[in-house]
Protein backbone atom coordinates (compact mmCIF):
# COMPACT_ATOMS: atom_id res chain seq x y z
CA MET A 1 0.00 0.00 0.00
CA LYS A 2 2.91 2.35 0.72
CA ILE A 3 4.35 1.68 -2.73
CA PHE A 4 0.94 2.36 -4.34
CA SER A 5 0.58 5.59 -2.36
CA GLY A 6 4.04 6.75 -3.49
CA TRP A 7 3.27 6.13 -7.17
CA ARG A 8 -0.04 7.96 -6.78
CA ARG A 9 1.73 11.03 -5.37
CA PHE A 10 4.27 10.85 -8.21
CA PHE A 11 1.61 10.77 -10.94
CA SER A 12 -0.33 13.58 -9.25
CA LEU A 13 2.79 15.74 -9.24
CA LEU A 14 3.53 14.85 -12.88
CA LEU A 15 -0.01 15.78 -13.91
CA ALA A 16 0.25 19.14 -12.14
CA VAL A 17 3.54 19.90 -13.91
CA LEU A 18 2.02 19.04 -17.29
CA VAL A 19 -1.00 21.28 -16.64
CA LEU A 20 1.23 24.20 -15.67
CA ALA A 21 3.41 23.65 -18.73
CA ALA A 22 0.38 23.63 -21.00
CA ALA A 23 -0.89 26.85 -19.45
CA ALA A 24 2.48 28.51 -19.97
CA MET A 25 2.68 27.58 -23.66
CA PRO A 26 2.08 30.52 -26.01
CA ALA A 27 -1.23 30.55 -27.83
CA CYS A 28 -1.03 29.65 -31.47
CA ALA A 29 -3.24 30.17 -34.47
CA SER A 30 -6.05 27.62 -34.46
CA GLU A 31 -7.25 28.44 -37.96
CA GLY A 32 -5.87 29.69 -41.20
CA PHE A 33 -2.33 29.36 -42.44
CA THR A 34 1.04 29.49 -40.77
CA PHE A 35 2.71 32.88 -40.82
CA ASN A 36 6.29 33.51 -39.74
CA TRP A 37 6.37 36.85 -37.94
CA ASP A 38 10.13 37.05 -38.60
CA THR A 39 9.16 38.41 -42.02
CA GLY A 40 7.86 41.64 -40.46
CA GLU A 41 9.21 45.05 -41.30
CA GLU A 42 12.77 45.84 -40.40
CA GLY A 43 12.84 47.20 -36.89
CA ASP A 44 9.58 45.52 -35.91
CA SER A 45 9.34 42.90 -33.22
CA THR A 46 9.42 39.36 -34.59
CA GLU A 47 6.16 38.50 -32.87
CA PRO A 48 2.63 39.93 -32.98
CA HIS A 49 2.04 42.91 -30.74
CA CYS A 50 -1.68 42.34 -30.22
CA LYS A 51 -3.38 39.86 -27.91
CA SER A 52 -5.89 38.83 -30.55
CA LEU A 53 -5.88 38.82 -34.36
CA PHE A 54 -8.32 37.67 -37.00
CA MET A 55 -7.77 37.95 -40.77
CA LEU A 56 -10.44 37.20 -43.34
CA ASN A 57 -10.40 37.19 -47.14
CA LEU A 58 -13.70 38.70 -48.24
CA ASP A 59 -13.54 37.36 -51.81
CA THR A 60 -13.82 33.74 -50.70
CA ASP A 61 -14.85 34.19 -47.04
CA THR A 62 -11.67 32.33 -46.07
CA VAL A 63 -10.10 32.73 -42.63
CA VAL A 64 -6.39 33.03 -43.38
CA TYR A 65 -4.88 33.82 -39.98
CA THR A 66 -5.96 33.84 -36.33
CA LEU A 67 -4.45 34.40 -32.92
CA ASN A 68 -6.69 33.95 -29.87
CA PRO A 69 -9.70 34.86 -32.04
CA ASP A 70 -12.32 34.10 -29.38
CA GLU A 71 -10.76 35.87 -26.40
CA GLN A 72 -13.22 38.39 -24.95
CA LEU A 73 -11.60 41.82 -24.89
CA PRO A 74 -12.75 45.45 -24.72
CA MET A 75 -13.07 46.77 -28.28
CA ALA A 76 -13.14 50.51 -27.50
CA SER A 77 -14.30 52.64 -30.45
CA MET A 78 -14.54 49.69 -32.82
CA THR A 79 -17.94 49.60 -31.11
CA LYS A 80 -18.99 52.34 -33.53
CA ILE A 81 -19.12 49.84 -36.40
CA MET A 82 -22.20 48.34 -34.75
CA THR A 83 -23.45 51.84 -33.92
CA TYR A 84 -23.33 52.62 -37.66
CA ILE A 85 -25.26 49.43 -38.45
CA VAL A 86 -28.07 50.06 -35.97
CA ALA A 87 -28.36 53.75 -36.84
CA TYR A 88 -28.48 53.08 -40.57
CA GLU A 89 -31.01 50.28 -40.27
CA THR A 90 -33.21 52.00 -37.68
CA ILE A 91 -33.44 55.72 -38.53
CA PRO A 92 -35.93 56.38 -41.34
CA ASP A 93 -34.25 58.09 -44.34
CA ILE A 94 -31.12 58.57 -42.26
CA GLU A 95 -29.18 60.33 -44.99
CA HIS A 96 -31.60 63.25 -44.99
CA ALA A 97 -33.02 63.12 -41.47
CA VAL A 98 -32.19 66.31 -39.54
CA ILE A 99 -31.07 65.52 -36.00
CA THR A 100 -30.51 68.02 -33.21
CA VAL A 101 -27.69 67.36 -30.75
CA PRO A 102 -29.35 66.93 -27.32
CA GLN A 103 -28.14 68.16 -23.93
CA SER A 104 -27.53 64.56 -22.85
CA VAL A 105 -24.49 64.45 -25.13
CA ALA A 106 -22.70 67.11 -23.07
CA ASP A 107 -23.96 65.68 -19.78
CA ASP A 108 -22.98 62.08 -20.47
CA LEU A 109 -19.52 62.77 -21.91
CA GLU A 110 -18.44 65.54 -19.56
CA GLY A 111 -15.14 64.68 -17.91
CA THR A 112 -14.58 61.49 -19.89
CA GLU A 113 -11.76 63.06 -21.94
CA SER A 114 -12.92 60.88 -24.80
CA SER A 115 -12.73 61.26 -28.56
CA LEU A 116 -15.14 63.94 -29.79
CA ALA A 117 -16.21 65.26 -33.17
CA GLY A 118 -16.86 68.72 -31.72
CA VAL A 119 -20.62 68.95 -32.22
CA ALA A 120 -22.49 71.45 -30.05
CA VAL A 121 -25.71 71.06 -28.10
CA GLY A 122 -28.53 72.37 -30.32
CA GLU A 123 -26.55 71.86 -33.53
CA GLU A 124 -28.57 70.46 -36.42
CA LEU A 125 -26.93 67.78 -38.53
CA THR A 126 -28.16 65.22 -41.02
CA GLY A 127 -27.90 61.56 -40.19
CA LEU A 128 -25.30 61.16 -42.94
CA GLN A 129 -23.18 63.95 -41.45
CA LEU A 130 -23.37 62.28 -38.04
CA LEU A 131 -22.28 58.95 -39.53
CA ASN A 132 -19.22 60.67 -40.99
CA LEU A 133 -18.45 62.31 -37.65
CA LEU A 134 -18.98 58.95 -35.94
CA MET A 135 -16.54 56.99 -38.08
CA VAL A 136 -13.86 59.44 -39.26
CA PRO A 137 -12.85 61.45 -36.15
CA SER A 138 -14.48 58.76 -33.98
CA GLY A 139 -16.87 61.15 -32.29
CA ASN A 140 -18.41 59.81 -29.10
CA ASP A 141 -20.69 62.84 -29.20
CA ALA A 142 -21.98 61.71 -32.61
CA ALA A 143 -22.58 58.23 -31.18
CA VAL A 144 -24.63 59.49 -28.23
CA THR A 145 -26.57 61.84 -30.53
CA LEU A 146 -27.58 58.95 -32.80
CA MET A 147 -28.51 56.80 -29.82
CA ALA A 148 -30.61 59.55 -28.22
CA TYR A 149 -32.42 60.24 -31.50
CA VAL A 150 -33.36 56.58 -31.97
CA ASP A 151 -34.47 56.29 -28.33
CA GLU A 152 -36.61 59.40 -28.78
CA LEU A 153 -38.26 57.98 -31.92
CA TYR A 154 -38.89 54.70 -30.11
CA ALA A 155 -40.39 56.41 -27.06
CA ALA A 156 -42.68 58.40 -29.36
CA GLY A 157 -43.85 55.23 -31.09
CA LYS A 158 -42.28 56.20 -34.40
CA ILE A 159 -40.14 53.06 -34.41
CA VAL A 160 -42.01 49.81 -33.91
CA PRO A 161 -39.82 46.71 -33.98
CA GLN A 162 -41.26 43.60 -35.59
CA ASP A 163 -40.99 41.63 -32.36
CA ALA A 164 -42.50 44.38 -30.19
CA PRO A 165 -45.40 43.27 -27.92
CA ASN A 166 -48.90 44.51 -28.68
CA PRO A 167 -49.52 47.48 -26.33
CA GLU A 168 -53.22 46.48 -26.15
CA ASP A 169 -52.27 43.05 -24.84
CA PRO A 170 -52.87 43.09 -21.06
CA GLY A 171 -50.21 40.44 -20.59
CA ALA A 172 -47.54 42.38 -22.44
CA PRO A 173 -44.57 43.49 -20.31
CA PRO A 174 -44.24 47.22 -19.72
CA GLU A 175 -41.96 49.06 -22.13
CA GLU A 176 -38.59 50.07 -20.79
CA SER A 177 -37.80 53.77 -20.57
CA ALA A 178 -35.75 55.12 -23.45
CA THR A 179 -34.20 57.79 -21.24
CA PRO A 180 -30.51 57.13 -20.44
CA PRO A 181 -29.69 56.66 -16.74
CA PRO A 182 -28.22 59.58 -14.84
CA VAL A 183 -24.47 59.93 -14.90
CA GLY A 184 -22.51 59.62 -11.68
CA GLU A 185 -19.32 61.43 -10.84
CA VAL A 186 -17.01 62.70 -13.54
CA GLY A 187 -15.19 59.86 -15.25
CA ASP A 188 -17.81 57.21 -14.40
CA THR A 189 -18.69 54.76 -17.16
CA ILE A 190 -22.25 54.54 -18.42
CA ASP A 191 -24.22 51.35 -18.99
CA TYR A 192 -27.19 52.09 -21.26
CA SER A 193 -28.00 48.44 -21.94
CA GLY A 194 -31.00 48.32 -19.60
CA SER A 195 -32.57 51.61 -20.62
CA SER A 196 -31.65 52.41 -24.22
CA TYR A 197 -33.59 50.83 -27.06
CA PHE A 198 -30.64 51.65 -29.34
CA VAL A 199 -28.20 49.61 -27.24
CA GLN A 200 -30.74 46.79 -27.00
CA ARG A 201 -30.83 46.79 -30.79
CA MET A 202 -27.01 46.61 -30.87
CA ASN A 203 -27.08 43.42 -28.82
CA ALA A 204 -29.99 42.00 -30.79
CA LYS A 205 -28.11 42.63 -34.04
CA ALA A 206 -25.01 40.94 -32.65
CA GLN A 207 -27.08 37.85 -31.85
CA GLU A 208 -28.70 37.97 -35.27
CA LEU A 209 -25.25 37.94 -36.90
CA GLY A 210 -24.22 34.93 -34.80
CA CYS A 211 -21.82 36.75 -32.48
CA LYS A 212 -21.55 34.55 -29.39
CA ASN A 213 -18.98 36.50 -27.38
CA THR A 214 -20.10 40.09 -27.77
CA HIS A 215 -22.07 42.42 -25.53
CA PHE A 216 -22.66 46.17 -25.83
CA THR A 217 -23.53 48.57 -23.03
CA ASN A 218 -23.02 51.85 -24.93
CA PRO A 219 -22.73 53.16 -28.51
CA HIS A 220 -19.20 54.61 -28.30
CA GLY A 221 -16.97 52.03 -26.59
CA LEU A 222 -15.94 53.81 -23.41
CA HIS A 223 -14.85 51.16 -20.95
CA GLU A 224 -17.53 49.28 -19.05
CA GLU A 225 -17.11 45.84 -17.53
CA ASN A 226 -19.85 44.20 -19.60
CA HIS A 227 -18.82 45.83 -22.87
CA TYR A 228 -16.67 43.39 -24.84
CA SER A 229 -16.23 41.44 -28.05
CA THR A 230 -13.75 39.17 -29.82
CA ALA A 231 -11.69 39.51 -32.98
CA ARG A 232 -13.84 36.87 -34.67
CA ASP A 233 -17.12 38.58 -33.76
CA MET A 234 -15.80 41.99 -34.79
CA ALA A 235 -14.85 40.53 -38.18
CA VAL A 236 -18.42 39.28 -38.62
CA ILE A 237 -19.83 42.69 -37.64
CA THR A 238 -17.36 44.52 -39.90
CA LYS A 239 -18.09 42.30 -42.89
CA TYR A 240 -21.80 42.97 -42.48
CA ALA A 241 -21.30 46.72 -42.15
CA MET A 242 -19.21 46.86 -45.31
CA ALA A 243 -22.27 45.81 -47.30
CA LEU A 244 -24.31 48.79 -46.05
CA PRO A 245 -24.59 51.98 -48.15
CA ASN A 246 -21.87 54.63 -47.62
CA PHE A 247 -19.95 52.59 -45.04
CA THR A 248 -16.79 51.88 -47.04
CA THR A 249 -16.87 55.37 -48.57
CA ILE A 250 -17.08 57.02 -45.16
CA THR A 251 -14.49 54.82 -43.44
CA GLY A 252 -12.10 55.02 -46.39
CA GLN A 253 -11.67 58.81 -46.45
CA TRP A 254 -8.60 60.30 -44.82
CA ARG A 255 -10.57 63.33 -43.68
CA TYR A 256 -14.15 64.59 -43.64
CA GLU A 257 -15.25 68.10 -44.52
CA LYS A 258 -18.03 69.02 -42.16
CA PRO A 259 -20.26 71.59 -43.87
CA PRO A 260 -21.52 74.75 -42.14
CA THR A 261 -24.43 74.26 -39.73
CA ASN A 262 -26.74 76.44 -37.64
CA MET A 263 -24.08 76.48 -34.90
CA SER A 264 -20.91 76.47 -37.00
CA PRO A 265 -20.74 78.80 -40.03
CA GLU A 266 -17.39 77.53 -41.31
CA ILE A 267 -16.32 74.27 -42.96
CA GLU A 268 -14.54 72.07 -40.45
CA TYR A 269 -12.00 69.40 -41.39
CA LYS A 270 -12.01 66.18 -39.37
CA THR A 271 -9.01 63.88 -39.79
CA ASN A 272 -9.43 60.13 -39.72
CA THR A 273 -8.07 58.39 -36.62
CA ASN A 274 -6.92 55.53 -38.88
CA LYS A 275 -3.31 56.50 -39.55
CA MET A 276 -2.97 53.74 -42.15
CA LEU A 277 -4.83 56.17 -44.44
CA LEU A 278 -2.63 59.19 -43.66
CA ASN A 279 0.35 59.69 -45.94
CA TYR A 280 2.40 61.67 -43.44
CA PRO A 281 4.08 61.02 -40.07
CA ASP A 282 2.28 61.59 -36.79
CA GLU A 283 3.39 64.03 -34.08
CA TYR A 284 6.04 61.53 -32.95
CA GLY A 285 7.51 61.09 -36.43
CA ASN A 286 6.00 57.61 -36.93
CA SER A 287 4.32 56.73 -40.22
CA TYR A 288 1.74 53.94 -40.41
CA TYR A 289 0.58 54.66 -43.95
CA TYR A 290 -0.22 51.64 -46.12
CA THR A 291 -0.82 52.24 -49.81
CA TYR A 292 -3.52 49.62 -50.17
CA ALA A 293 -5.42 50.38 -46.93
CA THR A 294 -9.11 51.20 -47.45
CA GLY A 295 -10.45 51.66 -43.89
CA ILE A 296 -12.06 51.00 -41.36
CA LYS A 297 -12.14 51.91 -37.64
CA THR A 298 -9.74 52.37 -34.76
CA GLY A 299 -10.27 52.10 -31.03
CA SER A 300 -8.29 52.80 -27.89
CA HIS A 301 -8.50 53.37 -24.17
CA ASP A 302 -6.56 52.32 -21.07
CA GLN A 303 -8.25 48.93 -20.71
CA ALA A 304 -8.36 48.04 -24.43
CA GLY A 305 -4.99 49.36 -25.58
CA PHE A 306 -4.86 50.06 -29.30
CA CYS A 307 -7.34 48.22 -31.55
CA ILE A 308 -8.19 48.40 -35.23
CA ALA A 309 -10.53 46.93 -37.79
CA ALA A 310 -8.49 47.43 -40.97
CA SER A 311 -9.21 46.65 -44.60
CA ALA A 312 -7.01 46.59 -47.68
CA THR A 313 -7.43 45.79 -51.38
CA TYR A 314 -4.74 44.80 -53.87
CA TYR A 315 -5.04 43.20 -57.31
CA GLY A 316 -8.68 42.37 -56.78
CA TYR A 317 -8.20 40.77 -53.36
CA THR A 318 -9.76 42.33 -50.25
CA TYR A 319 -8.88 41.42 -46.68
CA ILE A 320 -9.94 42.64 -43.27
CA VAL A 321 -7.79 42.36 -40.14
CA ILE A 322 -9.14 42.73 -36.63
CA ALA A 323 -6.34 43.53 -34.17
CA MET A 324 -7.15 43.88 -30.48
CA GLY A 325 -5.21 44.42 -27.27
CA ASP A 326 -1.98 46.24 -28.25
CA MET A 327 -1.17 47.24 -24.67
CA ASP A 328 2.57 47.88 -25.00
CA GLY A 329 2.14 50.12 -28.02
CA TYR A 330 -0.59 52.07 -26.25
CA ALA A 331 1.66 52.67 -23.26
CA GLN A 332 4.40 53.97 -25.58
CA GLY A 333 2.15 55.89 -27.96
CA VAL A 334 3.14 53.58 -30.84
CA HIS A 335 0.45 52.05 -33.05
CA ASN A 336 1.71 48.48 -33.19
CA GLU A 337 -1.81 47.28 -33.98
CA MET A 338 -1.50 49.06 -37.34
CA ARG A 339 1.93 47.53 -37.85
CA ASP A 340 0.51 44.05 -37.19
CA ALA A 341 -2.28 44.69 -39.70
CA LYS A 342 0.15 46.05 -42.28
CA THR A 343 2.46 43.05 -41.86
CA LEU A 344 -0.42 40.61 -42.31
CA PHE A 345 -1.72 42.43 -45.38
CA ARG A 346 1.71 42.38 -47.02
CA TRP A 347 2.13 38.66 -46.27
CA ALA A 348 -1.31 37.77 -47.65
CA PHE A 349 -0.97 39.80 -50.84
CA LEU A 350 2.45 38.33 -51.63
CA ASN A 351 1.89 34.72 -50.59
CA LEU A 352 -1.79 33.84 -50.92
CA GLY A 353 -3.98 33.49 -53.98
CA LYS A 354 -7.38 32.28 -55.01
CA LYS A 355 -7.36 28.67 -56.15
CA THR A 356 -10.25 26.71 -57.63
CA VAL A 357 -10.19 23.53 -55.57
CA THR A 358 -13.10 21.95 -57.41
CA SER A 359 -15.25 22.82 -60.41
CA GLN A 360 -18.89 22.11 -61.07
CA GLY A 361 -19.19 18.63 -62.56
CA ASP A 362 -15.91 17.28 -61.16
CA ILE A 363 -16.37 13.65 -60.12
CA LEU A 364 -15.42 13.39 -56.45
CA SER A 365 -16.90 10.06 -55.41
CA SER A 366 -19.42 7.32 -56.19
CA VAL A 367 -22.11 5.40 -54.35
CA LYS A 368 -23.64 1.94 -54.66
CA LEU A 369 -26.73 1.99 -56.92
CA GLU A 370 -29.72 -0.33 -56.55
CA TYR A 371 -32.66 -1.19 -58.86
CA ALA A 372 -30.88 -0.09 -62.06
CA TYR A 373 -30.31 -2.22 -65.19
CA GLN A 374 -26.65 -3.16 -65.80
CA LYS A 375 -25.45 -0.39 -63.47
CA ASP A 376 -24.46 -0.82 -59.86
CA GLU A 377 -22.60 2.45 -59.20
CA LEU A 378 -23.60 6.13 -59.39
CA LEU A 379 -20.96 8.81 -59.88
CA LEU A 380 -21.16 11.86 -57.61
CA ALA A 381 -20.10 15.27 -58.92
CA ALA A 382 -19.42 18.66 -57.33
CA ASP A 383 -22.52 20.85 -57.48
CA LYS A 384 -20.62 24.15 -57.92
CA ASN A 385 -17.28 25.81 -58.40
CA VAL A 386 -15.37 26.30 -55.16
CA SER A 387 -12.50 28.76 -54.85
CA VAL A 388 -10.58 29.52 -51.67
CA MET A 389 -7.51 31.45 -50.65
CA LEU A 390 -4.46 29.23 -50.30
CA PRO A 391 -0.70 29.71 -50.14
CA ASN A 392 0.75 30.01 -53.64
CA SER A 393 2.99 27.02 -52.91
CA VAL A 394 0.09 24.65 -52.26
CA ASP A 395 -0.46 21.95 -54.88
CA ALA A 396 -3.88 20.50 -55.63
CA SER A 397 -2.67 17.13 -54.37
CA SER A 398 -2.40 18.64 -50.87
CA ILE A 399 -6.16 19.07 -50.69
CA ILE A 400 -7.83 16.23 -48.79
CA VAL A 401 -11.39 15.35 -49.82
CA THR A 402 -13.66 13.66 -47.26
CA VAL A 403 -17.06 12.48 -48.46
CA GLN A 404 -20.26 12.05 -46.50
CA LYS A 405 -22.73 9.88 -48.43
CA PRO A 406 -25.28 7.10 -47.87
CA GLU A 407 -24.25 3.45 -48.19
CA SER A 408 -26.45 3.11 -51.27
CA VAL A 409 -29.15 4.87 -53.29
CA GLN A 410 -32.07 3.45 -55.22
CA ALA A 411 -33.09 4.25 -58.80
CA PRO A 412 -34.76 6.26 -60.19
CA ILE A 413 -32.22 9.08 -59.76
CA ARG A 414 -32.39 12.48 -61.43
CA LYS A 415 -29.23 14.20 -62.65
CA GLY A 416 -28.33 16.97 -60.22
CA GLU A 417 -30.14 15.34 -57.29
CA GLU A 418 -28.18 16.00 -54.09
CA ILE A 419 -26.76 12.80 -52.64
CA GLY A 420 -24.03 13.82 -50.17
CA GLU A 421 -21.39 16.40 -49.28
CA ALA A 422 -17.65 16.68 -49.80
CA THR A 423 -15.43 18.42 -47.25
CA LEU A 424 -12.14 19.82 -48.56
CA SER A 425 -9.31 20.25 -46.07
CA TYR A 426 -5.78 21.60 -46.11
CA ALA A 427 -3.31 21.27 -43.23
CA ASN A 428 -6.03 19.71 -41.05
CA GLU A 429 -8.31 22.72 -41.54
CA VAL A 430 -11.60 22.68 -43.44
CA ILE A 431 -11.34 25.13 -46.33
CA ALA A 432 -14.61 24.40 -48.16
CA LYS A 433 -17.69 22.21 -48.34
CA VAL A 434 -19.52 21.38 -51.55
CA PRO A 435 -22.75 19.42 -52.17
CA LEU A 436 -22.39 16.20 -54.15
CA VAL A 437 -25.03 15.51 -56.81
CA ALA A 438 -25.83 12.67 -59.19
CA ALA A 439 -23.73 13.00 -62.33
CA GLU A 440 -26.46 11.41 -64.49
CA SER A 441 -30.07 10.30 -64.48
CA VAL A 442 -30.74 6.60 -63.95
CA ALA A 443 -34.07 4.87 -64.63
CA ARG A 444 -35.56 2.22 -62.38
CA SER A 445 -35.84 -1.40 -63.60
CA ASP A 446 -39.06 -2.84 -62.19
CA LEU A 447 -37.91 -6.40 -62.91
CA ILE A 448 -34.64 -5.92 -61.06
CA ALA A 449 -36.40 -4.00 -58.32
CA GLY A 450 -38.90 -6.85 -57.87
CA TRP A 451 -36.13 -9.44 -57.86
CA GLU A 452 -33.98 -7.45 -55.42
CA GLN A 453 -36.92 -6.75 -53.14
CA GLY A 454 -37.90 -10.42 -53.26
CA ARG A 455 -34.36 -11.54 -52.56
CA SER A 456 -34.09 -9.00 -49.82
CA LEU A 457 -37.30 -10.32 -48.34
CA LEU A 458 -36.18 -13.94 -48.58
CA THR A 459 -32.84 -13.18 -46.93
CA SER A 460 -34.12 -10.79 -44.29
CA PRO A 461 -33.71 -11.93 -40.65
CA TRP A 462 -37.44 -11.49 -40.00
CA PHE A 463 -38.40 -13.66 -42.94
CA ILE A 464 -35.90 -16.33 -41.93
CA ALA A 465 -37.16 -16.20 -38.35
CA ILE A 466 -40.78 -16.53 -39.48
CA MET A 467 -39.98 -19.42 -41.83
CA ALA A 468 -37.99 -21.14 -39.09
CA THR A 469 -40.96 -20.73 -36.74
CA ILE A 470 -43.33 -22.17 -39.36
CA ALA A 471 -40.93 -25.06 -40.02
CA ALA A 472 -40.71 -25.73 -36.29
CA LEU A 473 -44.51 -25.71 -35.98
CA ILE A 474 -44.81 -28.08 -38.96
CA GLY A 475 -42.22 -30.33 -37.34
CA VAL A 476 -44.14 -30.36 -34.08
CA TYR A 477 -47.36 -31.02 -35.99
CA LEU A 478 -45.84 -34.00 -37.82
CA ILE A 479 -44.46 -35.42 -34.58
CA LEU A 480 -47.85 -35.09 -32.93
CA LEU A 481 -49.47 -36.62 -35.98
CA VAL A 482 -47.17 -39.64 -35.81
CA PHE A 483 -47.95 -40.09 -32.11
CA TYR A 484 -51.66 -39.68 -32.82
CA ARG A 485 -51.69 -42.30 -35.60
CA ARG A 486 -49.65 -44.69 -33.48
CA LYS A 487 -52.15 -44.25 -30.68
CA GLN A 488 -55.03 -44.87 -33.09
CA ARG A 489 -53.45 -48.10 -34.32
CA GLN A 490 -53.02 -49.27 -30.75
CA LEU A 491 -56.67 -48.50 -30.00
CA ARG A 492 -57.79 -50.46 -33.06
CA ARG A 493 -55.76 -53.49 -31.99
CA VAL A 494 -57.31 -53.38 -28.52
CA LYS A 495 -60.81 -53.16 -29.98
CA LYS A 496 -60.16 -56.07 -32.35
CA PHE A 497 -58.90 -58.20 -29.46
CA ARG A 498 -62.05 -57.49 -27.43
CA ASP A 499 -64.28 -58.38 -30.36
CA LEU A 500 -62.69 -61.83 -30.50
């Protein structure tokens, strides 16, 4: 028992060491392709600066690089991408709607020392102007103005969501107030999630898009404990926003010319916070300009560090990079998140390309065919062309095809009828899935079908069991019949003897 106890302590200690070693191992990319960070710009660190990275090719919807893509982190002003979505989809005729900046903007943001677009209380701006001020200079005041306007429309009954309860229904829950909660002392964060219809719509939209690790409490991104997202979720949100009108145009401009308003008679120039679009050094002499950058949104504060949702296009290829959690760069005033994005863009443009991994009509498998004349196999073809981003060095033979299909199919079969699915993988990662369809039409042979069904019936376990039972009953009957006849003969002999 002492020996057993000693071995048990040894294995417990070994297990603990292994667990600690695993925890200490650096996180690695779980999806996409391998990238050697030693190929970064001269002078850059040979490792990523950000806690979390996610890179997506929009042409093929291919994830090409990830680093801790599902780690929940504060996303700072990248929040405004969702603010844009909700504002654009909620405000009627947003491009022409005239919106007055409310007093709540000054009250809520006083003392926060946050990024402002410089709008004044009482200033009248169109929704389109506010969207520009939201995304280019990253105006928190523009964000709160849009939120307050939507909440006001909702409170007045001018916005009725499809899933809203019927107010005449006595069992309907009472509507929540659209008035933001009062602000505490200067510098306090604000959680609007329980009182603002706008913020509720932000969270509802995130769920609708399939974001599982995202929660919004405000429209601007100032730090709040329950305000977070992930690089993966932000990529989903960004991709969706890029399909909305004006989004890429607004986020791709290096500066915005704010026209004169009732409170500001002069044109005002607002520079984009995305320095990848600025072809000149910043105040510290650092240049982050990237020729092929096209947007999108930056973010930063003490808890988030530097963050960016960046996009770039080159030779017909478009990528987005979500970079979150550049804490060291933030402390030093150096935008390493932009350097990480730039490095990834350069690597992708030089080393990745679109490859057609299968074409419509390519035969990828076959399946056993029943009830057909002189044909016992059906060929399965790809239903569509499939192209994905892959390293230029990858050969077609490196693509592994795994097929999901039934054991057999029965005629008649129509050409193009879906039979199964092929999964295409590279380096143990799924890169595409394609439906498998019948490559030809096959008629049913009634004679063969009848024969096969009959044979199947005759060889089925149930039929054999029934026939065995019948045979056993017949056997018992014959045995009983023999005994019965023998008994009858004996009775006749006895009767004959008595008659004598």
